[in-house]
Amino acid sequence: MHELPGWSDVPGAYGRALDALLTAARTGVPDPRGVEFGARLTEILAEAEAQLAT
């Protein structure tokens, strides 16, 4: 499980995302919240949005 960044701190969240990307590039170890995590999160959000319309 990962804690999502607070939505009230968008610049901070962006900075943390950049830090994670740079760390992954420097160490060669991908962040577990990589593209697969983002894709799945997007799917979940789309499903939730579709349910709101019904």
N, C-alpha and C. Protein backbone atom coordinates (compact mmCIF):
# COMPACT_ATOMS: atom_id res chain seq x y z
N MET A 1 0.84 -1.18 0.00
CA MET A 1 0.00 0.00 0.00
C MET A 1 0.88 1.24 0.00
N HIS A 2 0.39 2.26 -0.67
CA HIS A 2 1.10 3.53 -0.72
C HIS A 2 0.13 4.64 -0.36
N GLU A 3 0.61 5.59 0.36
CA GLU A 3 -0.21 6.74 0.69
C GLU A 3 -0.13 7.74 -0.45
N LEU A 4 -1.29 8.17 -0.92
CA LEU A 4 -1.31 9.17 -1.98
C LEU A 4 -0.95 10.54 -1.41
N PRO A 5 -0.33 11.36 -2.22
CA PRO A 5 0.00 12.70 -1.73
C PRO A 5 -1.26 13.50 -1.47
N GLY A 6 -1.18 14.43 -0.55
CA GLY A 6 -2.32 15.31 -0.27
C GLY A 6 -2.62 16.19 -1.47
N TRP A 7 -3.88 16.26 -1.84
CA TRP A 7 -4.25 17.04 -3.03
C TRP A 7 -4.08 18.54 -2.79
N SER A 8 -3.94 18.96 -1.55
CA SER A 8 -3.75 20.38 -1.29
C SER A 8 -2.30 20.82 -1.54
N ASP A 9 -1.42 19.88 -1.79
CA ASP A 9 -0.01 20.19 -2.00
C ASP A 9 0.45 19.69 -3.36
N VAL A 10 -0.16 20.20 -4.43
CA VAL A 10 0.18 19.74 -5.78
C VAL A 10 1.65 19.98 -6.12
N PRO A 11 2.21 21.17 -5.86
CA PRO A 11 3.64 21.34 -6.17
C PRO A 11 4.53 20.37 -5.40
N GLY A 12 4.20 20.11 -4.14
CA GLY A 12 4.97 19.16 -3.35
C GLY A 12 4.85 17.75 -3.89
N ALA A 13 3.64 17.36 -4.30
CA ALA A 13 3.43 16.03 -4.87
C ALA A 13 4.21 15.87 -6.16
N TYR A 14 4.22 16.91 -6.98
CA TYR A 14 4.98 16.87 -8.22
C TYR A 14 6.48 16.71 -7.92
N GLY A 15 6.95 17.45 -6.94
CA GLY A 15 8.35 17.35 -6.54
C GLY A 15 8.71 15.96 -6.04
N ARG A 16 7.81 15.35 -5.26
CA ARG A 16 8.07 14.00 -4.77
C ARG A 16 8.07 12.99 -5.93
N ALA A 17 7.20 13.20 -6.90
CA ALA A 17 7.19 12.31 -8.07
C ALA A 17 8.50 12.44 -8.85
N LEU A 18 8.99 13.66 -9.01
CA LEU A 18 10.27 13.85 -9.69
C LEU A 18 11.41 13.22 -8.90
N ASP A 19 11.38 13.36 -7.58
CA ASP A 19 12.40 12.73 -6.74
C ASP A 19 12.41 11.22 -6.92
N ALA A 20 11.21 10.62 -6.96
CA ALA A 20 11.11 9.16 -7.14
C ALA A 20 11.65 8.76 -8.50
N LEU A 21 11.36 9.54 -9.53
CA LEU A 21 11.86 9.24 -10.88
C LEU A 21 13.38 9.34 -10.92
N LEU A 22 13.91 10.38 -10.34
CA LEU A 22 15.37 10.55 -10.33
C LEU A 22 16.06 9.44 -9.53
N THR A 23 15.47 9.04 -8.42
CA THR A 23 16.04 7.94 -7.62
C THR A 23 16.03 6.65 -8.42
N ALA A 24 14.93 6.38 -9.11
CA ALA A 24 14.85 5.17 -9.93
C ALA A 24 15.90 5.20 -11.05
N ALA A 25 16.07 6.36 -11.67
CA ALA A 25 17.07 6.47 -12.74
C ALA A 25 18.48 6.29 -12.19
N ARG A 26 18.74 6.85 -11.03
CA ARG A 26 20.07 6.79 -10.42
C ARG A 26 20.41 5.38 -9.93
N THR A 27 19.44 4.71 -9.31
CA THR A 27 19.71 3.40 -8.70
C THR A 27 19.42 2.23 -9.62
N GLY A 28 18.58 2.45 -10.63
CA GLY A 28 18.17 1.35 -11.50
C GLY A 28 17.06 0.51 -10.91
N VAL A 29 16.54 0.91 -9.75
CA VAL A 29 15.46 0.19 -9.08
C VAL A 29 14.16 0.97 -9.31
N PRO A 30 13.22 0.40 -10.06
CA PRO A 30 11.99 1.14 -10.34
C PRO A 30 11.15 1.36 -9.08
N ASP A 31 10.50 2.49 -9.04
CA ASP A 31 9.59 2.80 -7.94
C ASP A 31 8.37 1.90 -8.08
N PRO A 32 7.87 1.31 -6.99
CA PRO A 32 6.70 0.42 -7.09
C PRO A 32 5.44 1.16 -7.55
N ARG A 33 5.46 2.47 -7.50
CA ARG A 33 4.31 3.23 -7.98
C ARG A 33 4.56 3.68 -9.41
N GLY A 34 5.09 2.78 -10.22
CA GLY A 34 5.44 3.08 -11.60
C GLY A 34 4.23 3.10 -12.53
N VAL A 35 4.51 2.87 -13.79
CA VAL A 35 3.48 3.00 -14.81
C VAL A 35 2.34 2.00 -14.62
N GLU A 36 2.65 0.79 -14.16
CA GLU A 36 1.58 -0.19 -13.94
C GLU A 36 0.63 0.29 -12.84
N PHE A 37 1.19 0.85 -11.78
CA PHE A 37 0.38 1.39 -10.69
C PHE A 37 -0.50 2.53 -11.21
N GLY A 38 0.09 3.42 -11.99
CA GLY A 38 -0.67 4.54 -12.54
C GLY A 38 -1.77 4.09 -13.48
N ALA A 39 -1.48 3.10 -14.30
CA ALA A 39 -2.50 2.59 -15.23
C ALA A 39 -3.65 1.96 -14.46
N ARG A 40 -3.34 1.17 -13.44
CA ARG A 40 -4.41 0.53 -12.66
C ARG A 40 -5.22 1.56 -11.89
N LEU A 41 -4.55 2.56 -11.35
CA LEU A 41 -5.26 3.62 -10.64
C LEU A 41 -6.21 4.35 -11.59
N THR A 42 -5.76 4.61 -12.81
CA THR A 42 -6.60 5.27 -13.80
C THR A 42 -7.82 4.41 -14.13
N GLU A 43 -7.63 3.10 -14.26
CA GLU A 43 -8.75 2.19 -14.50
C GLU A 43 -9.77 2.25 -13.37
N ILE A 44 -9.28 2.23 -12.15
CA ILE A 44 -10.18 2.28 -10.98
C ILE A 44 -10.97 3.57 -10.96
N LEU A 45 -10.28 4.68 -11.21
CA LEU A 45 -10.97 5.97 -11.22
C LEU A 45 -12.00 6.05 -12.34
N ALA A 46 -11.69 5.50 -13.51
CA ALA A 46 -12.65 5.49 -14.62
C ALA A 46 -13.87 4.64 -14.28
N GLU A 47 -13.65 3.50 -13.64
CA GLU A 47 -14.77 2.65 -13.22
C GLU A 47 -15.65 3.37 -12.20
N ALA A 48 -15.02 4.04 -11.25
CA ALA A 48 -15.79 4.78 -10.25
C ALA A 48 -16.59 5.91 -10.90
N GLU A 49 -15.98 6.61 -11.82
CA GLU A 49 -16.67 7.71 -12.52
C GLU A 49 -17.86 7.16 -13.31
N ALA A 50 -17.68 6.02 -13.96
CA ALA A 50 -18.77 5.42 -14.73
C ALA A 50 -19.94 5.04 -13.82
N GLN A 51 -19.65 4.59 -12.61
CA GLN A 51 -20.70 4.22 -11.68
C GLN A 51 -21.46 5.43 -11.16
N LEU A 52 -20.80 6.59 -11.11
CA LEU A 52 -21.47 7.80 -10.67
C LEU A 52 -22.55 8.23 -11.66
N ALA A 53 -22.33 7.91 -12.94
CA ALA A 53 -23.27 8.32 -13.98
C ALA A 53 -24.54 7.48 -13.99
N THR A 54 -24.53 6.36 -13.29
CA THR A 54 -25.72 5.49 -13.32
C THR A 54 -26.66 5.77 -12.18
